[in-house]
Amino acid sequence: MKTESNLHPDAPFEINELPDGMAEVMFYDHVEEVTESESAIFKYDLYCVTVPYRDNLAAVIEQSYEAWLNFARSREETPEQQPAVTESEAIAERVALLEDTNKTLHNQLETVMEAIDYILMEV
C-alpha cells in the first residue's frame, strides 16, 4: 500500500509485539523523499503481516529479508480478501516457534554446562 509520512523509516522493517502472542511486522519499501511546501515528505510502500512472535524474529527476518518482503507483498490484499489461516497452519507456526525456543535453550544449556565443567576442572 502506498503511504507517506513526514518521518523517514529508521529501518527496512519494524516489529510490534501484540498482546496475544502475535507480532505485526511492517516493511518499508521504495522510500523516497519528496519536498512539498518547504517540508520533507517521505513516500513509500508499506506492507504489513501478522505472525507469531518469537524472540529471534528480527534475526530470522534479516537472514531472509527478500523472502519475508515478498511474503508481505503477497499478503497486501485486504484482510477480507486474505485466506483465513487454517488451524494446521497455526499449529505449524507454533511448532516452529517451539523448535526455535528449544534450540536456543539447548545452546544456552550447553554453554552453562561447559562453564560448570571449566569451573570444576579449576577446583
C-alpha atoms as a PDB file:
ATOM      1  CA  MET A   1       0.000   0.000   0.000  1.00  0.00           C
ATOM      2  CA  LYS A   2       1.362   3.423  -0.910  1.00  0.00           C
ATOM      3  CA  THR A   3       1.682   5.767   2.044  1.00  0.00           C
ATOM      4  CA  GLU A   4       3.527   8.875   3.117  1.00  0.00           C
ATOM      5  CA  SER A   5       4.891  10.381   6.298  1.00  0.00           C
ATOM      6  CA  ASN A   6       6.933  13.315   7.495  1.00  0.00           C
ATOM      7  CA  LEU A   7       9.254  10.790   9.216  1.00  0.00           C
ATOM      8  CA  HIS A   8      11.782   8.626   7.402  1.00  0.00           C
ATOM      9  CA  PRO A   9      11.529   4.945   8.422  1.00  0.00           C
ATOM     10  CA  ASP A  10      14.507   4.076  10.642  1.00  0.00           C
ATOM     11  CA  ALA A  11      14.875   0.546   9.258  1.00  0.00           C
ATOM     12  CA  PRO A  12      13.567  -1.550   6.375  1.00  0.00           C
ATOM     13  CA  PHE A  13      11.108  -3.249   8.758  1.00  0.00           C
ATOM     14  CA  GLU A  14       9.618  -2.817  12.212  1.00  0.00           C
ATOM     15  CA  ILE A  15       8.201  -5.410  14.602  1.00  0.00           C
ATOM     16  CA  ASN A  16       5.375  -4.579  17.002  1.00  0.00           C
ATOM     17  CA  GLU A  17       4.709  -7.275  19.587  1.00  0.00           C
ATOM     18  CA  LEU A  18       0.988  -7.732  20.164  1.00  0.00           C
ATOM     19  CA  PRO A  19      -0.526  -8.846  23.486  1.00  0.00           C
ATOM     20  CA  ASP A  20      -1.958 -12.076  22.014  1.00  0.00           C
ATOM     21  CA  GLY A  21       1.439 -13.657  21.286  1.00  0.00           C
ATOM     22  CA  MET A  22       1.476 -12.372  17.736  1.00  0.00           C
ATOM     23  CA  ALA A  23       3.596  -9.692  16.082  1.00  0.00           C
ATOM     24  CA  GLU A  24       2.810  -7.163  13.398  1.00  0.00           C
ATOM     25  CA  VAL A  25       5.735  -6.801  11.002  1.00  0.00           C
ATOM     26  CA  MET A  26       5.729  -3.654   8.870  1.00  0.00           C
ATOM     27  CA  PHE A  27       8.007  -3.493   5.829  1.00  0.00           C
ATOM     28  CA  TYR A  28       9.015  -0.147   4.289  1.00  0.00           C
ATOM     29  CA  ASP A  29       9.973  -0.403   0.622  1.00  0.00           C
ATOM     30  CA  HIS A  30      10.898   2.119  -2.110  1.00  0.00           C
ATOM     31  CA  VAL A  31      11.306   5.013   0.335  1.00  0.00           C
ATOM     32  CA  GLU A  32      11.777   8.324  -1.436  1.00  0.00           C
ATOM     33  CA  GLU A  33      11.896  11.897  -0.192  1.00  0.00           C
ATOM     34  CA  VAL A  34       9.583  14.417  -1.804  1.00  0.00           C
ATOM     35  CA  THR A  35       9.825  18.092  -0.879  1.00  0.00           C
ATOM     36  CA  GLU A  36       6.462  19.760  -0.655  1.00  0.00           C
ATOM     37  CA  SER A  37       5.995  23.348   0.525  1.00  0.00           C
ATOM     38  CA  GLU A  38       9.377  23.545   2.277  1.00  0.00           C
ATOM     39  CA  SER A  39       8.941  20.350   4.292  1.00  0.00           C
ATOM     40  CA  ALA A  40      10.200  16.865   3.557  1.00  0.00           C
ATOM     41  CA  ILE A  41       7.660  14.143   2.941  1.00  0.00           C
ATOM     42  CA  PHE A  42       8.639  10.504   2.563  1.00  0.00           C
ATOM     43  CA  LYS A  43       6.606   8.319   0.247  1.00  0.00           C
ATOM     44  CA  TYR A  44       6.962   4.552   0.367  1.00  0.00           C
ATOM     45  CA  ASP A  45       5.259   1.207   0.041  1.00  0.00           C
ATOM     46  CA  LEU A  46       4.098  -0.230   3.351  1.00  0.00           C
ATOM     47  CA  TYR A  47       3.397  -3.943   3.738  1.00  0.00           C
ATOM     48  CA  CYS A  48       2.137  -5.485   6.994  1.00  0.00           C
ATOM     49  CA  VAL A  49       1.857  -9.093   8.099  1.00  0.00           C
ATOM     50  CA  THR A  50       0.883 -10.636  11.406  1.00  0.00           C
ATOM     51  CA  VAL A  51       2.881 -13.665  12.516  1.00  0.00           C
ATOM     52  CA  PRO A  52       3.532 -15.468  15.811  1.00  0.00           C
ATOM     53  CA  TYR A  53       6.023 -13.507  17.917  1.00  0.00           C
ATOM     54  CA  ARG A  54       9.347 -15.040  18.923  1.00  0.00           C
ATOM     55  CA  ASP A  55      12.450 -13.516  20.464  1.00  0.00           C
ATOM     56  CA  ASN A  56      14.594 -14.104  17.373  1.00  0.00           C
ATOM     57  CA  LEU A  57      12.004 -12.860  14.852  1.00  0.00           C
ATOM     58  CA  ALA A  58      14.112  -9.861  13.788  1.00  0.00           C
ATOM     59  CA  ALA A  59      17.140 -12.087  13.157  1.00  0.00           C
ATOM     60  CA  VAL A  60      15.030 -14.576  11.207  1.00  0.00           C
ATOM     61  CA  ILE A  61      13.661 -11.772   9.018  1.00  0.00           C
ATOM     62  CA  GLU A  62      17.127 -10.271   8.467  1.00  0.00           C
ATOM     63  CA  GLN A  63      18.511 -13.654   7.362  1.00  0.00           C
ATOM     64  CA  SER A  64      15.940 -13.978   4.584  1.00  0.00           C
ATOM     65  CA  TYR A  65      14.713 -10.418   4.178  1.00  0.00           C
ATOM     66  CA  GLU A  66      13.744 -10.677   0.493  1.00  0.00           C
ATOM     67  CA  ALA A  67      11.623 -13.770   1.111  1.00  0.00           C
ATOM     68  CA  TRP A  68       9.836 -12.042   4.006  1.00  0.00           C
ATOM     69  CA  LEU A  69       9.295  -8.888   1.952  1.00  0.00           C
ATOM     70  CA  ASN A  70       7.859 -10.925  -0.919  1.00  0.00           C
ATOM     71  CA  PHE A  71       5.598 -12.748   1.546  1.00  0.00           C
ATOM     72  CA  ALA A  72       4.357  -9.415   2.907  1.00  0.00           C
ATOM     73  CA  ARG A  73       3.790  -8.107  -0.624  1.00  0.00           C
ATOM     74  CA  SER A  74       1.726 -11.178  -1.456  1.00  0.00           C
ATOM     75  CA  ARG A  75      -0.442 -10.537   1.609  1.00  0.00           C
ATOM     76  CA  GLU A  76      -1.158  -6.919   0.640  1.00  0.00           C
ATOM     77  CA  GLU A  77      -4.784  -7.780  -0.030  1.00  0.00           C
ATOM     78  CA  THR A  78      -7.275  -6.525   2.490  1.00  0.00           C
ATOM     79  CA  PRO A  79      -7.946  -8.874   5.430  1.00  0.00           C
ATOM     80  CA  GLU A  80     -11.320  -9.807   3.924  1.00  0.00           C
ATOM     81  CA  GLN A  81      -9.559 -10.970   0.746  1.00  0.00           C
ATOM     82  CA  GLN A  82      -6.839 -12.913   2.533  1.00  0.00           C
ATOM     83  CA  PRO A  83      -7.452 -16.591   3.022  1.00  0.00           C
ATOM     84  CA  ALA A  84      -8.015 -17.435   6.665  1.00  0.00           C
ATOM     85  CA  VAL A  85      -5.134 -19.118   8.442  1.00  0.00           C
ATOM     86  CA  THR A  86      -6.080 -22.724   8.924  1.00  0.00           C
ATOM     87  CA  GLU A  87      -5.703 -24.465  12.249  1.00  0.00           C
ATOM     88  CA  SER A  88      -2.949 -26.662  10.820  1.00  0.00           C
ATOM     89  CA  GLU A  89      -1.024 -23.571   9.637  1.00  0.00           C
ATOM     90  CA  ALA A  90      -1.355 -22.013  13.088  1.00  0.00           C
ATOM     91  CA  ILE A  91      -0.133 -25.237  14.684  1.00  0.00           C
ATOM     92  CA  ALA A  92       2.807 -25.387  12.255  1.00  0.00           C
ATOM     93  CA  GLU A  93       3.801 -21.827  13.234  1.00  0.00           C
ATOM     94  CA  ARG A  94       3.614 -22.740  16.927  1.00  0.00           C
ATOM     95  CA  VAL A  95       5.700 -25.867  16.335  1.00  0.00           C
ATOM     96  CA  ALA A  96       8.305 -23.759  14.525  1.00  0.00           C
ATOM     97  CA  LEU A  97       8.332 -21.307  17.426  1.00  0.00           C
ATOM     98  CA  LEU A  98       8.743 -24.125  19.956  1.00  0.00           C
ATOM     99  CA  GLU A  99      11.540 -25.681  17.900  1.00  0.00           C
ATOM    100  CA  ASP A 100      13.368 -22.327  17.771  1.00  0.00           C
ATOM    101  CA  THR A 101      12.918 -21.880  21.516  1.00  0.00           C
ATOM    102  CA  ASN A 102      14.082 -25.434  22.196  1.00  0.00           C
ATOM    103  CA  LYS A 103      17.203 -24.917  20.079  1.00  0.00           C
ATOM    104  CA  THR A 104      18.011 -21.658  21.876  1.00  0.00           C
ATOM    105  CA  LEU A 105      17.546 -23.269  25.300  1.00  0.00           C
ATOM    106  CA  HIS A 106      19.677 -26.244  24.268  1.00  0.00           C
ATOM    107  CA  ASN A 107      22.505 -23.917  23.186  1.00  0.00           C
ATOM    108  CA  GLN A 108      22.250 -21.982  26.454  1.00  0.00           C
ATOM    109  CA  LEU A 109      22.343 -25.222  28.445  1.00  0.00           C
ATOM    110  CA  GLU A 110      25.471 -26.361  26.595  1.00  0.00           C
ATOM    111  CA  THR A 111      27.165 -23.057  27.402  1.00  0.00           C
ATOM    112  CA  VAL A 112      26.276 -23.371  31.096  1.00  0.00           C
ATOM    113  CA  MET A 113      27.487 -26.978  31.212  1.00  0.00           C
ATOM    114  CA  GLU A 114      30.801 -26.001  29.606  1.00  0.00           C
ATOM    115  CA  ALA A 115      31.214 -23.244  32.189  1.00  0.00           C
ATOM    116  CA  ILE A 116      30.488 -25.686  35.024  1.00  0.00           C
ATOM    117  CA  ASP A 117      32.983 -28.200  33.602  1.00  0.00           C
ATOM    118  CA  TYR A 118      35.608 -25.435  33.389  1.00  0.00           C
ATOM    119  CA  ILE A 119      34.983 -24.365  36.980  1.00  0.00           C
ATOM    120  CA  LEU A 120      35.161 -27.939  38.260  1.00  0.00           C
ATOM    121  CA  MET A 121      38.452 -28.521  36.462  1.00  0.00           C
ATOM    122  CA  GLU A 122      39.925 -25.424  38.147  1.00  0.00           C
ATOM    123  CA  VAL A 123      38.990 -26.597  41.654  1.00  0.00           C
END
